[in-house]
Amino acid sequence: MSQALTVAQALRQALQAGIDRVDAHLLLGHVLQHDRSWLIAHDDAPLPTGEQQRFEALVQRRLDGEPVAYLLGEREFHGLRLQVSPAVLVPRPDTEVLVDWALECLVGMAATSPRVIDLGTGSGAIALALRHRWPAADVTALDASADALAVARTNAERLALPVRFLQSDWWQAVAGKTFDLAVSNPPYIAGDDPHLPALRHEPRQALTPEGDGLDALRALVRDAPSHLRPEAWLLFEHGWDQAKAVRSLLAEAGFRDVQTRQDLAGVDRCTGGRWPARAERDLA
């Protein structure tokens, strides 16, 4: 793509190189600061040299497997536009299932200002979506990565959504504190999963705890009871084949009403349970 190109020609060459049509429009729209409808209506517009070179560079990075969200620097999640970087996972639509379930749990709570915690917040997507949809919630978000927390704090400030962010190895930073709802999208991919190489541009520590992929989930369930109020819910996102294992972890730890929700493709994606009231525990 050395000669001057029109919008249509640049898009056509990107498609011929192997770029998805939607991705090509997103990338060129990002470079030109115009939406898809403008690109279609002005497909004969010439590209200035600088913009053409920027588009070519983005196309090459996309061909190398870099997520479009990193190339654009942002991703929409549950109605919020979030800034993202290689320090955090790209928020996925399937994770919105976890947010929707958490909101259902909040509806049934007696607390006027329920205390919510998001463990392994990354970009802050889950915590900020919950704070946005449930303004009365007192939301705390934890992550072990200082770089990830910097992204999350930037998102919270830009969106004017008050969330308490703490650097923590899971529950460590909230010792002695209890919550009405805990949610987490922890690393859950097995260390030898063949899909990991395709995700090489995202932070590996946020994708996999290595081993069988369940170590983070085990740690979260193990230490949850001392941080949950009676009848509090603990909800997880997990791998497509892990629902049975996560249900067992929760049931063995004493959780009640253990159940699984499916994602947009009908795959078991989220599992959770309710920490029983003292009377229920006494009867068990």
C-alpha atoms as a PDB file:
ATOM      1  CA  MET A   1       0.000   0.000   0.000  1.00  0.00           C
ATOM      2  CA  SER A   2       2.616   2.532  -1.152  1.00  0.00           C
ATOM      3  CA  GLN A   3       0.550   4.622  -3.603  1.00  0.00           C
ATOM      4  CA  ALA A   4      -2.153   6.991  -2.416  1.00  0.00           C
ATOM      5  CA  LEU A   5      -5.389   5.112  -1.766  1.00  0.00           C
ATOM      6  CA  THR A   6      -9.030   5.987  -1.402  1.00  0.00           C
ATOM      7  CA  VAL A   7     -11.078   4.794   1.567  1.00  0.00           C
ATOM      8  CA  ALA A   8     -12.562   1.973  -0.511  1.00  0.00           C
ATOM      9  CA  GLN A   9      -9.165   0.880  -1.835  1.00  0.00           C
ATOM     10  CA  ALA A  10      -7.593   0.857   1.614  1.00  0.00           C
ATOM     11  CA  LEU A  11     -10.437  -1.259   3.001  1.00  0.00           C
ATOM     12  CA  ARG A  12     -10.261  -3.628   0.031  1.00  0.00           C
ATOM     13  CA  GLN A  13      -6.537  -4.177   0.471  1.00  0.00           C
ATOM     14  CA  ALA A  14      -6.994  -4.822   4.186  1.00  0.00           C
ATOM     15  CA  LEU A  15      -9.647  -7.456   3.419  1.00  0.00           C
ATOM     16  CA  GLN A  16      -7.401  -9.076   0.829  1.00  0.00           C
ATOM     17  CA  ALA A  17      -4.620  -9.225   3.417  1.00  0.00           C
ATOM     18  CA  GLY A  18      -6.923 -11.228   5.718  1.00  0.00           C
ATOM     19  CA  ILE A  19      -8.477  -8.588   7.977  1.00  0.00           C
ATOM     20  CA  ASP A  20     -12.096  -9.093   9.017  1.00  0.00           C
ATOM     21  CA  ARG A  21     -14.463  -6.547   7.406  1.00  0.00           C
ATOM     22  CA  VAL A  22     -15.722  -5.197  10.738  1.00  0.00           C
ATOM     23  CA  ASP A  23     -12.175  -4.897  12.063  1.00  0.00           C
ATOM     24  CA  ALA A  24     -11.048  -3.057   8.933  1.00  0.00           C
ATOM     25  CA  HIS A  25     -13.834  -0.505   9.277  1.00  0.00           C
ATOM     26  CA  LEU A  26     -13.100  -0.047  12.972  1.00  0.00           C
ATOM     27  CA  LEU A  27      -9.392   0.496  12.391  1.00  0.00           C
ATOM     28  CA  LEU A  28      -9.801   2.917   9.480  1.00  0.00           C
ATOM     29  CA  GLY A  29     -12.570   4.754  11.308  1.00  0.00           C
ATOM     30  CA  HIS A  30     -10.248   5.092  14.296  1.00  0.00           C
ATOM     31  CA  VAL A  31      -7.482   6.534  12.146  1.00  0.00           C
ATOM     32  CA  LEU A  32      -9.769   8.983  10.344  1.00  0.00           C
ATOM     33  CA  GLN A  33     -11.947   9.723  13.402  1.00  0.00           C
ATOM     34  CA  HIS A  34     -15.108   8.874  11.482  1.00  0.00           C
ATOM     35  CA  ASP A  35     -17.732   6.164  11.925  1.00  0.00           C
ATOM     36  CA  ARG A  36     -18.597   3.344   9.540  1.00  0.00           C
ATOM     37  CA  SER A  37     -21.437   5.245   7.883  1.00  0.00           C
ATOM     38  CA  TRP A  38     -19.021   8.054   6.963  1.00  0.00           C
ATOM     39  CA  LEU A  39     -16.568   5.560   5.467  1.00  0.00           C
ATOM     40  CA  ILE A  40     -19.314   4.067   3.319  1.00  0.00           C
ATOM     41  CA  ALA A  41     -20.609   7.466   2.191  1.00  0.00           C
ATOM     42  CA  HIS A  42     -17.105   8.747   1.421  1.00  0.00           C
ATOM     43  CA  ASP A  43     -15.477   5.629   0.008  1.00  0.00           C
ATOM     44  CA  ASP A  44     -13.873   7.669  -2.803  1.00  0.00           C
ATOM     45  CA  ALA A  45     -12.153  10.071  -0.392  1.00  0.00           C
ATOM     46  CA  PRO A  46      -8.354   9.952  -0.655  1.00  0.00           C
ATOM     47  CA  LEU A  47      -6.346   9.036   2.415  1.00  0.00           C
ATOM     48  CA  PRO A  48      -3.691  11.529   3.502  1.00  0.00           C
ATOM     49  CA  THR A  49      -0.234   9.931   3.573  1.00  0.00           C
ATOM     50  CA  GLY A  50       0.055   9.990   7.360  1.00  0.00           C
ATOM     51  CA  GLU A  51      -3.319   8.379   7.923  1.00  0.00           C
ATOM     52  CA  GLN A  52      -2.631   5.752   5.284  1.00  0.00           C
ATOM     53  CA  GLN A  53       0.629   4.807   6.993  1.00  0.00           C
ATOM     54  CA  ARG A  54      -1.082   4.620  10.387  1.00  0.00           C
ATOM     55  CA  PHE A  55      -3.784   2.363   8.941  1.00  0.00           C
ATOM     56  CA  GLU A  56      -1.166   0.118   7.318  1.00  0.00           C
ATOM     57  CA  ALA A  57       0.631  -0.205  10.652  1.00  0.00           C
ATOM     58  CA  LEU A  58      -2.592  -1.120  12.464  1.00  0.00           C
ATOM     59  CA  VAL A  59      -3.443  -3.699   9.797  1.00  0.00           C
ATOM     60  CA  GLN A  60      -0.067  -5.362  10.260  1.00  0.00           C
ATOM     61  CA  ARG A  61      -0.479  -5.471  14.028  1.00  0.00           C
ATOM     62  CA  ARG A  62      -3.948  -6.975  13.640  1.00  0.00           C
ATOM     63  CA  LEU A  63      -2.568  -9.614  11.261  1.00  0.00           C
ATOM     64  CA  ASP A  64      -0.094 -10.485  14.019  1.00  0.00           C
ATOM     65  CA  GLY A  65      -3.030 -11.261  16.288  1.00  0.00           C
ATOM     66  CA  GLU A  66      -3.139  -8.114  18.412  1.00  0.00           C
ATOM     67  CA  PRO A  67      -6.714  -7.536  19.669  1.00  0.00           C
ATOM     68  CA  VAL A  68      -8.642  -4.739  18.004  1.00  0.00           C
ATOM     69  CA  ALA A  69      -9.413  -3.298  21.447  1.00  0.00           C
ATOM     70  CA  TYR A  70      -5.702  -2.730  22.087  1.00  0.00           C
ATOM     71  CA  LEU A  71      -5.288  -1.100  18.682  1.00  0.00           C
ATOM     72  CA  LEU A  72      -8.217   1.224  19.362  1.00  0.00           C
ATOM     73  CA  GLY A  73      -7.326   1.673  23.029  1.00  0.00           C
ATOM     74  CA  GLU A  74     -10.896   1.060  24.134  1.00  0.00           C
ATOM     75  CA  ARG A  75     -13.718  -1.470  24.357  1.00  0.00           C
ATOM     76  CA  GLU A  76     -17.431  -1.193  25.126  1.00  0.00           C
ATOM     77  CA  PHE A  77     -18.702  -3.279  28.031  1.00  0.00           C
ATOM     78  CA  HIS A  78     -22.217  -3.288  29.486  1.00  0.00           C
ATOM     79  CA  GLY A  79     -22.918   0.151  28.043  1.00  0.00           C
ATOM     80  CA  LEU A  80     -19.647   1.686  29.231  1.00  0.00           C
ATOM     81  CA  ARG A  81     -16.729   2.656  26.991  1.00  0.00           C
ATOM     82  CA  LEU A  82     -13.588   1.485  28.756  1.00  0.00           C
ATOM     83  CA  GLN A  83      -9.971   2.256  28.041  1.00  0.00           C
ATOM     84  CA  VAL A  84      -7.871  -0.891  27.699  1.00  0.00           C
ATOM     85  CA  SER A  85      -4.204  -1.680  27.234  1.00  0.00           C
ATOM     86  CA  PRO A  86      -1.995  -4.794  27.154  1.00  0.00           C
ATOM     87  CA  ALA A  87      -1.892  -4.542  30.964  1.00  0.00           C
ATOM     88  CA  VAL A  88      -5.457  -5.880  31.158  1.00  0.00           C
ATOM     89  CA  LEU A  89      -7.631  -8.498  29.512  1.00  0.00           C
ATOM     90  CA  VAL A  90      -9.949  -7.303  26.789  1.00  0.00           C
ATOM     91  CA  PRO A  91     -13.491  -7.319  28.306  1.00  0.00           C
ATOM     92  CA  ARG A  92     -15.628  -9.981  26.601  1.00  0.00           C
ATOM     93  CA  PRO A  93     -19.394  -9.890  25.952  1.00  0.00           C
ATOM     94  CA  ASP A  94     -19.768 -13.216  27.801  1.00  0.00           C
ATOM     95  CA  THR A  95     -18.646 -11.522  31.022  1.00  0.00           C
ATOM     96  CA  GLU A  96     -21.776  -9.368  30.851  1.00  0.00           C
ATOM     97  CA  VAL A  97     -23.635 -12.526  31.927  1.00  0.00           C
ATOM     98  CA  LEU A  98     -21.778 -12.304  35.251  1.00  0.00           C
ATOM     99  CA  VAL A  99     -22.733  -8.639  35.644  1.00  0.00           C
ATOM    100  CA  ASP A 100     -26.386  -9.351  34.868  1.00  0.00           C
ATOM    101  CA  TRP A 101     -26.478 -12.161  37.425  1.00  0.00           C
ATOM    102  CA  ALA A 102     -24.841  -9.931  40.042  1.00  0.00           C
ATOM    103  CA  LEU A 103     -27.467  -7.258  39.415  1.00  0.00           C
ATOM    104  CA  GLU A 104     -30.201  -9.852  39.950  1.00  0.00           C
ATOM    105  CA  CYS A 105     -28.632 -10.714  43.301  1.00  0.00           C
ATOM    106  CA  LEU A 106     -28.529  -7.048  44.307  1.00  0.00           C
ATOM    107  CA  VAL A 107     -32.247  -6.681  43.597  1.00  0.00           C
ATOM    108  CA  GLY A 108     -33.064  -9.228  46.284  1.00  0.00           C
ATOM    109  CA  MET A 109     -30.857  -7.746  48.999  1.00  0.00           C
ATOM    110  CA  ALA A 110     -32.162  -5.957  52.058  1.00  0.00           C
ATOM    111  CA  ALA A 111     -29.064  -3.759  52.427  1.00  0.00           C
ATOM    112  CA  THR A 112     -29.650  -0.211  51.180  1.00  0.00           C
ATOM    113  CA  SER A 113     -25.961   0.190  50.347  1.00  0.00           C
ATOM    114  CA  PRO A 114     -24.744  -3.348  49.631  1.00  0.00           C
ATOM    115  CA  ARG A 115     -21.023  -3.969  49.851  1.00  0.00           C
ATOM    116  CA  VAL A 116     -19.708  -5.481  46.643  1.00  0.00           C
ATOM    117  CA  ILE A 117     -16.239  -6.754  45.825  1.00  0.00           C
ATOM    118  CA  ASP A 118     -14.706  -7.571  42.429  1.00  0.00           C
ATOM    119  CA  LEU A 119     -11.648  -9.808  42.722  1.00  0.00           C
ATOM    120  CA  GLY A 120      -9.179  -9.534  39.833  1.00  0.00           C
ATOM    121  CA  THR A 121     -10.747  -6.412  38.343  1.00  0.00           C
ATOM    122  CA  GLY A 122      -8.385  -5.826  35.396  1.00  0.00           C
ATOM    123  CA  SER A 123      -9.754  -2.844  33.474  1.00  0.00           C
ATOM    124  CA  GLY A 124     -12.421  -2.397  36.154  1.00  0.00           C
ATOM    125  CA  ALA A 125     -15.118  -3.598  33.743  1.00  0.00           C
ATOM    126  CA  ILE A 126     -17.233  -5.625  36.177  1.00  0.00           C
ATOM    127  CA  ALA A 127     -16.857  -3.273  39.157  1.00  0.00           C
ATOM    128  CA  LEU A 128     -17.646  -0.182  37.101  1.00  0.00           C
ATOM    129  CA  ALA A 129     -20.620  -1.797  35.363  1.00  0.00           C
ATOM    130  CA  LEU A 130     -22.083  -2.736  38.748  1.00  0.00           C
ATOM    131  CA  ARG A 131     -21.452   0.726  40.204  1.00  0.00           C
ATOM    132  CA  HIS A 132     -23.023   2.280  37.111  1.00  0.00           C
ATOM    133  CA  ARG A 133     -26.135   0.096  37.214  1.00  0.00           C
ATOM    134  CA  TRP A 134     -26.463   0.086  41.023  1.00  0.00           C
ATOM    135  CA  PRO A 135     -25.344   3.542  42.242  1.00  0.00           C
ATOM    136  CA  ALA A 136     -26.101   2.740  45.888  1.00  0.00           C
ATOM    137  CA  ALA A 137     -23.557  -0.097  45.939  1.00  0.00           C
ATOM    138  CA  ASP A 138     -20.318   0.350  47.869  1.00  0.00           C
ATOM    139  CA  VAL A 139     -17.884  -1.258  45.423  1.00  0.00           C
ATOM    140  CA  THR A 140     -14.333  -2.434  46.111  1.00  0.00           C
ATOM    141  CA  ALA A 141     -12.141  -3.818  43.341  1.00  0.00           C
ATOM    142  CA  LEU A 142      -8.901  -5.749  43.788  1.00  0.00           C
ATOM    143  CA  ASP A 143      -6.070  -6.727  41.479  1.00  0.00           C
ATOM    144  CA  ALA A 144      -2.540  -7.974  42.021  1.00  0.00           C
ATOM    145  CA  SER A 145      -1.241  -5.909  39.087  1.00  0.00           C
ATOM    146  CA  ALA A 146      -0.388  -2.259  39.690  1.00  0.00           C
ATOM    147  CA  ASP A 147      -0.506  -1.648  35.919  1.00  0.00           C
ATOM    148  CA  ALA A 148      -4.012  -3.090  35.686  1.00  0.00           C
ATOM    149  CA  LEU A 149      -5.176  -0.950  38.618  1.00  0.00           C
ATOM    150  CA  ALA A 150      -3.839   2.146  36.873  1.00  0.00           C
ATOM    151  CA  VAL A 151      -6.064   1.364  33.881  1.00  0.00           C
ATOM    152  CA  ALA A 152      -9.064   0.673  36.138  1.00  0.00           C
ATOM    153  CA  ARG A 153      -8.600   3.910  38.086  1.00  0.00           C
ATOM    154  CA  THR A 154      -8.365   5.888  34.854  1.00  0.00           C
ATOM    155  CA  ASN A 155     -11.642   4.362  33.694  1.00  0.00           C
ATOM    156  CA  ALA A 156     -13.350   5.117  37.005  1.00  0.00           C
ATOM    157  CA  GLU A 157     -12.204   8.737  36.954  1.00  0.00           C
ATOM    158  CA  ARG A 158     -13.218   9.278  33.330  1.00  0.00           C
ATOM    159  CA  LEU A 159     -16.653   7.733  33.930  1.00  0.00           C
ATOM    160  CA  ALA A 160     -17.091   9.475  37.311  1.00  0.00           C
ATOM    161  CA  LEU A 161     -17.899   6.165  39.005  1.00  0.00           C
ATOM    162  CA  PRO A 162     -16.602   5.955  42.599  1.00  0.00           C
ATOM    163  CA  VAL A 163     -14.962   2.565  43.198  1.00  0.00           C
ATOM    164  CA  ARG A 164     -12.363   1.687  45.821  1.00  0.00           C
ATOM    165  CA  PHE A 165      -9.325   0.081  44.124  1.00  0.00           C
ATOM    166  CA  LEU A 166      -6.752  -1.910  46.118  1.00  0.00           C
ATOM    167  CA  GLN A 167      -3.692  -3.872  45.074  1.00  0.00           C
ATOM    168  CA  SER A 168      -4.149  -7.344  46.508  1.00  0.00           C
ATOM    169  CA  ASP A 169      -3.434 -11.022  46.081  1.00  0.00           C
ATOM    170  CA  TRP A 170      -7.107 -12.027  46.060  1.00  0.00           C
ATOM    171  CA  TRP A 171      -8.681 -11.383  49.510  1.00  0.00           C
ATOM    172  CA  GLN A 172      -5.446 -10.235  51.193  1.00  0.00           C
ATOM    173  CA  ALA A 173      -6.131  -6.472  51.248  1.00  0.00           C
ATOM    174  CA  VAL A 174      -9.606  -6.806  52.769  1.00  0.00           C
ATOM    175  CA  ALA A 175      -8.776  -8.871  55.835  1.00  0.00           C
ATOM    176  CA  GLY A 176     -11.512  -8.440  58.439  1.00  0.00           C
ATOM    177  CA  LYS A 177     -13.998  -6.959  55.966  1.00  0.00           C
ATOM    178  CA  THR A 178     -17.195  -8.651  54.810  1.00  0.00           C
ATOM    179  CA  PHE A 179     -19.354  -8.194  51.712  1.00  0.00           C
ATOM    180  CA  ASP A 180     -22.890  -8.794  50.486  1.00  0.00           C
ATOM    181  CA  LEU A 181     -21.774  -9.828  47.011  1.00  0.00           C
ATOM    182  CA  ALA A 182     -18.461 -11.050  45.604  1.00  0.00           C
ATOM    183  CA  VAL A 183     -17.783 -11.467  41.892  1.00  0.00           C
ATOM    184  CA  SER A 184     -14.709 -12.589  40.018  1.00  0.00           C
ATOM    185  CA  ASN A 185     -13.501 -13.360  36.513  1.00  0.00           C
ATOM    186  CA  PRO A 186     -10.236 -14.985  37.617  1.00  0.00           C
ATOM    187  CA  PRO A 187      -7.588 -16.631  35.440  1.00  0.00           C
ATOM    188  CA  TYR A 188      -9.028 -20.050  34.632  1.00  0.00           C
ATOM    189  CA  ILE A 189      -7.443 -21.349  31.423  1.00  0.00           C
ATOM    190  CA  ALA A 190      -5.298 -24.468  31.886  1.00  0.00           C
ATOM    191  CA  GLY A 191      -1.594 -23.870  31.413  1.00  0.00           C
ATOM    192  CA  ASP A 192      -1.374 -26.287  28.493  1.00  0.00           C
ATOM    193  CA  ASP A 193      -4.530 -25.114  26.736  1.00  0.00           C
ATOM    194  CA  PRO A 194      -3.935 -24.948  22.959  1.00  0.00           C
ATOM    195  CA  HIS A 195      -5.813 -21.639  22.720  1.00  0.00           C
ATOM    196  CA  LEU A 196      -3.297 -19.729  24.854  1.00  0.00           C
ATOM    197  CA  PRO A 197      -0.862 -18.942  22.005  1.00  0.00           C
ATOM    198  CA  ALA A 198      -3.641 -17.066  20.189  1.00  0.00           C
ATOM    199  CA  LEU A 199      -4.023 -14.890  23.307  1.00  0.00           C
ATOM    200  CA  ARG A 200      -0.314 -14.070  23.532  1.00  0.00           C
ATOM    201  CA  HIS A 201      -0.908 -10.301  23.413  1.00  0.00           C
ATOM    202  CA  GLU A 202      -2.987 -10.362  26.615  1.00  0.00           C
ATOM    203  CA  PRO A 203      -1.388 -10.661  30.092  1.00  0.00           C
ATOM    204  CA  ARG A 204      -0.789 -14.366  30.712  1.00  0.00           C
ATOM    205  CA  GLN A 205      -1.179 -14.050  34.491  1.00  0.00           C
ATOM    206  CA  ALA A 206      -4.742 -12.805  33.941  1.00  0.00           C
ATOM    207  CA  LEU A 207      -5.538 -15.729  31.642  1.00  0.00           C
ATOM    208  CA  THR A 208      -4.129 -18.753  33.423  1.00  0.00           C
ATOM    209  CA  PRO A 209      -2.969 -19.806  36.891  1.00  0.00           C
ATOM    210  CA  GLU A 210      -1.140 -22.619  35.035  1.00  0.00           C
ATOM    211  CA  GLY A 211      -1.817 -26.238  35.987  1.00  0.00           C
ATOM    212  CA  ASP A 212      -5.414 -27.345  35.486  1.00  0.00           C
ATOM    213  CA  GLY A 213      -6.715 -23.772  35.520  1.00  0.00           C
ATOM    214  CA  LEU A 214      -8.603 -24.117  38.797  1.00  0.00           C
ATOM    215  CA  ASP A 215      -6.049 -22.872  41.347  1.00  0.00           C
ATOM    216  CA  ALA A 216      -7.357 -19.288  41.477  1.00  0.00           C
ATOM    217  CA  LEU A 217     -10.935 -20.518  41.825  1.00  0.00           C
ATOM    218  CA  ARG A 218      -9.880 -22.877  44.621  1.00  0.00           C
ATOM    219  CA  ALA A 219      -8.164 -20.054  46.516  1.00  0.00           C
ATOM    220  CA  LEU A 220     -11.106 -17.702  46.110  1.00  0.00           C
ATOM    221  CA  VAL A 221     -13.632 -20.265  47.355  1.00  0.00           C
ATOM    222  CA  ARG A 222     -11.400 -21.406  50.218  1.00  0.00           C
ATOM    223  CA  ASP A 223     -11.001 -17.938  51.704  1.00  0.00           C
ATOM    224  CA  ALA A 224     -14.441 -16.563  50.831  1.00  0.00           C
ATOM    225  CA  PRO A 225     -16.456 -17.579  53.933  1.00  0.00           C
ATOM    226  CA  SER A 226     -14.624 -15.207  56.281  1.00  0.00           C
ATOM    227  CA  HIS A 227     -15.343 -12.315  53.916  1.00  0.00           C
ATOM    228  CA  LEU A 228     -19.029 -12.925  53.215  1.00  0.00           C
ATOM    229  CA  ARG A 229     -22.023 -11.763  55.190  1.00  0.00           C
ATOM    230  CA  PRO A 230     -24.900 -14.185  55.792  1.00  0.00           C
ATOM    231  CA  GLU A 231     -26.785 -14.854  52.530  1.00  0.00           C
ATOM    232  CA  ALA A 232     -24.077 -13.154  50.454  1.00  0.00           C
ATOM    233  CA  TRP A 233     -23.536 -14.416  46.921  1.00  0.00           C
ATOM    234  CA  LEU A 234     -20.208 -15.488  45.397  1.00  0.00           C
ATOM    235  CA  LEU A 235     -20.248 -15.550  41.574  1.00  0.00           C
ATOM    236  CA  PHE A 236     -17.536 -16.628  39.134  1.00  0.00           C
ATOM    237  CA  GLU A 237     -16.859 -16.676  35.441  1.00  0.00           C
ATOM    238  CA  HIS A 238     -15.032 -19.864  34.416  1.00  0.00           C
ATOM    239  CA  GLY A 239     -14.045 -22.049  31.481  1.00  0.00           C
ATOM    240  CA  TRP A 240     -16.511 -23.874  29.264  1.00  0.00           C
ATOM    241  CA  ASP A 241     -15.776 -27.245  30.888  1.00  0.00           C
ATOM    242  CA  GLN A 242     -15.325 -26.140  34.519  1.00  0.00           C
ATOM    243  CA  ALA A 243     -18.905 -25.658  35.732  1.00  0.00           C
ATOM    244  CA  LYS A 244     -19.146 -29.046  37.435  1.00  0.00           C
ATOM    245  CA  ALA A 245     -15.808 -28.574  39.202  1.00  0.00           C
ATOM    246  CA  VAL A 246     -16.730 -25.081  40.413  1.00  0.00           C
ATOM    247  CA  ARG A 247     -20.119 -26.267  41.666  1.00  0.00           C
ATOM    248  CA  SER A 248     -18.331 -28.969  43.641  1.00  0.00           C
ATOM    249  CA  LEU A 249     -15.897 -26.439  45.142  1.00  0.00           C
ATOM    250  CA  LEU A 250     -18.754 -24.227  46.297  1.00  0.00           C
ATOM    251  CA  ALA A 251     -20.897 -27.074  47.641  1.00  0.00           C
ATOM    252  CA  GLU A 252     -17.983 -28.611  49.538  1.00  0.00           C
ATOM    253  CA  ALA A 253     -17.228 -25.216  51.113  1.00  0.00           C
ATOM    254  CA  GLY A 254     -20.798 -25.003  52.433  1.00  0.00           C
ATOM    255  CA  PHE A 255     -22.467 -22.731  49.882  1.00  0.00           C
ATOM    256  CA  ARG A 256     -26.178 -23.115  49.163  1.00  0.00           C
ATOM    257  CA  ASP A 257     -28.272 -22.543  46.012  1.00  0.00           C
ATOM    258  CA  VAL A 258     -25.268 -23.420  43.844  1.00  0.00           C
ATOM    259  CA  GLN A 259     -26.115 -22.950  40.180  1.00  0.00           C
ATOM    260  CA  THR A 260     -24.651 -22.252  36.737  1.00  0.00           C
ATOM    261  CA  ARG A 261     -25.581 -19.688  34.085  1.00  0.00           C
ATOM    262  CA  GLN A 262     -24.883 -19.969  30.359  1.00  0.00           C
ATOM    263  CA  ASP A 263     -23.267 -17.399  28.094  1.00  0.00           C
ATOM    264  CA  LEU A 264     -24.574 -16.003  24.817  1.00  0.00           C
ATOM    265  CA  ALA A 265     -23.546 -19.156  22.967  1.00  0.00           C
ATOM    266  CA  GLY A 266     -25.342 -21.455  25.419  1.00  0.00           C
ATOM    267  CA  VAL A 267     -22.096 -22.547  27.100  1.00  0.00           C
ATOM    268  CA  ASP A 268     -21.838 -22.966  30.884  1.00  0.00           C
ATOM    269  CA  ARG A 269     -19.924 -19.787  31.762  1.00  0.00           C
ATOM    270  CA  CYS A 270     -20.751 -18.565  35.283  1.00  0.00           C
ATOM    271  CA  THR A 271     -21.307 -20.460  38.535  1.00  0.00           C
ATOM    272  CA  GLY A 272     -22.179 -19.149  41.964  1.00  0.00           C
ATOM    273  CA  GLY A 273     -23.640 -19.895  45.329  1.00  0.00           C
ATOM    274  CA  ARG A 274     -25.033 -18.227  48.418  1.00  0.00           C
ATOM    275  CA  TRP A 275     -23.279 -18.253  51.778  1.00  0.00           C
ATOM    276  CA  PRO A 276     -25.948 -19.485  54.220  1.00  0.00           C
ATOM    277  CA  ALA A 277     -27.258 -17.663  57.240  1.00  0.00           C
ATOM    278  CA  ARG A 278     -26.053 -18.962  60.591  1.00  0.00           C
ATOM    279  CA  ALA A 279     -29.299 -20.890  61.188  1.00  0.00           C
ATOM    280  CA  GLU A 280     -28.843 -22.766  57.909  1.00  0.00           C
ATOM    281  CA  ARG A 281     -25.255 -23.611  58.782  1.00  0.00           C
ATOM    282  CA  ASP A 282     -26.338 -24.916  62.173  1.00  0.00           C
ATOM    283  CA  LEU A 283     -28.857 -27.215  60.507  1.00  0.00           C
ATOM    284  CA  ALA A 284     -26.356 -28.567  58.007  1.00  0.00           C
END
